[in-house]
Each structure stands twice: as C-alpha cells, then as structure tokens.
Amino acid sequence: MTAMDKLEQIFTMQQALNADIRERRGLEELTHEAWIQKQMLAMLCEMAEVLEETNYKWWKNPKAVDSDALKEEMVDVLHFFVSMCLESGMDAQELYDRYLAKNAENFARQQGRSSKPGYELPDAEG
C-alpha cells in the first residue's frame, strides 16, 4: 500500500466516523461552518494535550516523555484535521497536491526565491 493509498484510507475512515457521529448524535443539521468550528475547537484541545506530554512547563522538573501517549494525542489531532479537510470539500488527493505546492513555496521562501515579500535573504556581501 502506497503512502497515498494510506492517506486516502484515512480520509475514507474519517468520513465514515463523521457520518456515524452526525447520525448517532443528531448533528445532521449542523452547518459546514459550525462543524469546522467545533472540530477546530476540539483539535485545539488535543493540541494542548500534545503540549502537556512535552514538558513545556519550564518552571517544573521535567518528567520522561511518554512517547506512546504523545503519539496518541498526535493521532487525535489528525482525526480532527482530516475531519475539517473533508468538511471543507478537500479529499486526500487535493490535500496532497496542496501540500506539495505549499512545501515548494516554503522552500522558495527560505531560500530567498519567493515573490512573497518578507522572505528576502540578507545580502551575503553586506
């Protein structure tokens, strides 16, 4: 199974979960906008849980990072992210294509080759 097949499988599985949640919880009438807002709020909470697993509190003694718990929280973030992609009308292929384009642009920005202002590199001779 290729990486793209795996991404498509993730999107398919998330679509099935979303449909089940909408039906089981009586959320069929929820607008696209409201669904995305709720998913974003849930994702932000999951991202905070990722942070909790990474010793961000510099004022406390660090504890060993529980790698398994950290990875579980990252998967939770992915669930909500993919759900928002689906709700916005984006499938796995479009996400992949947009990622490739944005990744190329991000490299161009860091290398000073972007037309977007604010990413010029300092003159090496100066």
Protein backbone atom coordinates (compact mmCIF):
# COMPACT_ATOMS: atom_id res chain seq x y z
CA MET A 1 0.00 0.00 0.00
CA THR A 2 1.45 3.36 -1.03
CA ALA A 3 1.54 6.43 1.19
CA MET A 4 -1.20 8.00 -0.94
CA ASP A 5 -3.35 4.88 -0.55
CA LYS A 6 -2.87 5.15 3.21
CA LEU A 7 -3.87 8.82 3.19
CA GLU A 8 -6.95 8.01 1.13
CA GLN A 9 -7.81 5.23 3.59
CA ILE A 10 -7.53 7.68 6.49
CA PHE A 11 -9.89 10.07 4.71
CA THR A 12 -12.38 7.26 3.98
CA MET A 13 -12.32 6.05 7.57
CA GLN A 14 -12.76 9.60 8.90
CA GLN A 15 -15.70 10.18 6.55
CA ALA A 16 -17.38 7.05 7.93
CA LEU A 17 -16.74 8.16 11.51
CA ASN A 18 -18.09 11.64 10.80
CA ALA A 19 -21.27 10.19 9.26
CA ASP A 20 -21.74 7.90 12.26
CA ILE A 21 -21.24 10.77 14.72
CA ARG A 22 -23.65 13.05 12.84
CA GLU A 23 -26.36 10.37 12.80
CA ARG A 24 -25.80 8.94 16.28
CA ARG A 25 -25.58 12.38 17.92
CA GLY A 26 -28.33 14.03 15.87
CA LEU A 27 -25.99 16.52 14.22
CA GLU A 28 -27.26 16.18 10.65
CA GLU A 29 -28.42 19.81 10.59
CA LEU A 30 -25.07 21.21 11.71
CA THR A 31 -23.77 23.63 9.07
CA HIS A 32 -20.36 23.20 7.46
CA GLU A 33 -19.19 26.32 9.26
CA ALA A 34 -20.39 25.10 12.67
CA TRP A 35 -18.89 21.63 12.11
CA ILE A 36 -15.49 23.14 11.24
CA GLN A 37 -15.66 25.47 14.26
CA LYS A 38 -16.42 22.58 16.60
CA GLN A 39 -13.72 20.42 15.03
CA MET A 40 -11.18 23.25 15.33
CA LEU A 41 -12.01 23.74 18.99
CA ALA A 42 -11.63 20.01 19.62
CA MET A 43 -8.33 19.97 17.69
CA LEU A 44 -7.01 22.88 19.76
CA CYS A 45 -7.82 20.90 22.91
CA GLU A 46 -5.98 17.88 21.50
CA MET A 47 -3.02 20.11 20.62
CA ALA A 48 -2.95 21.31 24.22
CA GLU A 49 -2.81 17.65 25.25
CA VAL A 50 0.19 17.20 22.93
CA LEU A 51 1.81 20.12 24.70
CA GLU A 52 1.11 18.56 28.09
CA GLU A 53 3.11 15.50 27.01
CA THR A 54 6.22 17.53 26.11
CA ASN A 55 7.48 19.24 29.28
CA TYR A 56 6.59 22.75 28.17
CA LYS A 57 6.39 23.97 31.78
CA TRP A 58 9.91 25.25 32.22
CA TRP A 59 9.20 26.02 35.88
CA LYS A 60 8.68 22.33 36.74
CA ASN A 61 11.07 19.43 36.92
CA PRO A 62 10.89 17.59 33.61
CA LYS A 63 9.48 14.09 33.50
CA ALA A 64 10.23 11.41 30.99
CA VAL A 65 8.15 11.92 27.86
CA ASP A 66 5.62 9.14 27.38
CA SER A 67 6.19 8.55 23.69
CA ASP A 68 3.10 6.37 23.33
CA ALA A 69 0.82 8.98 24.93
CA LEU A 70 2.37 11.72 22.78
CA LYS A 71 1.73 9.72 19.61
CA GLU A 72 -1.85 9.00 20.66
CA GLU A 73 -2.51 12.72 21.08
CA MET A 74 -0.97 13.39 17.65
CA VAL A 75 -3.38 10.87 16.11
CA ASP A 76 -6.27 12.64 17.86
CA VAL A 77 -5.14 15.90 16.23
CA LEU A 78 -5.07 14.14 12.85
CA HIS A 79 -8.65 12.91 13.31
CA PHE A 80 -9.95 16.45 13.72
CA PHE A 81 -7.71 17.86 10.98
CA VAL A 82 -8.89 15.29 8.42
CA SER A 83 -12.47 15.87 9.52
CA MET A 84 -12.10 19.59 8.77
CA CYS A 85 -10.50 18.81 5.40
CA LEU A 86 -13.49 16.66 4.48
CA GLU A 87 -15.98 19.26 5.68
CA SER A 88 -14.26 21.92 3.56
CA GLY A 89 -14.61 19.68 0.50
CA MET A 90 -10.97 18.62 0.33
CA ASP A 91 -10.12 14.99 -0.34
CA ALA A 92 -6.81 13.17 0.18
CA GLN A 93 -5.56 13.95 -3.33
CA GLU A 94 -6.26 17.66 -3.03
CA LEU A 95 -4.59 17.80 0.38
CA TYR A 96 -1.56 16.04 -1.09
CA ASP A 97 -1.42 18.36 -4.11
CA ARG A 98 -1.80 21.48 -1.98
CA TYR A 99 0.84 20.22 0.44
CA LEU A 100 3.32 19.70 -2.41
CA ALA A 101 2.71 23.21 -3.74
CA LYS A 102 2.98 24.84 -0.30
CA ASN A 103 6.09 22.83 0.58
CA ALA A 104 7.79 24.04 -2.61
CA GLU A 105 6.77 27.63 -1.80
CA ASN A 106 8.06 27.30 1.78
CA PHE A 107 11.44 26.14 0.47
CA ALA A 108 11.46 29.02 -2.02
CA ARG A 109 10.74 31.46 0.81
CA GLN A 110 13.56 30.12 2.97
CA GLN A 111 15.95 30.22 0.02
CA GLY A 112 15.00 33.80 -0.86
CA ARG A 113 13.42 32.77 -4.18
CA SER A 114 9.80 33.63 -3.36
CA SER A 115 7.95 36.60 -4.77
CA LYS A 116 6.19 36.97 -1.41
CA PRO A 117 7.61 39.97 0.45
CA GLY A 118 9.40 39.50 3.74
CA TYR A 119 11.45 36.44 2.80
CA GLU A 120 14.38 38.13 1.11
CA LEU A 121 17.75 36.87 2.30
CA PRO A 122 20.31 39.32 3.63
CA ASP A 123 22.92 40.29 1.09
CA ALA A 124 25.90 37.96 1.55
CA GLU A 125 28.33 40.73 0.56
CA GLY A 126 26.98 43.25 3.07
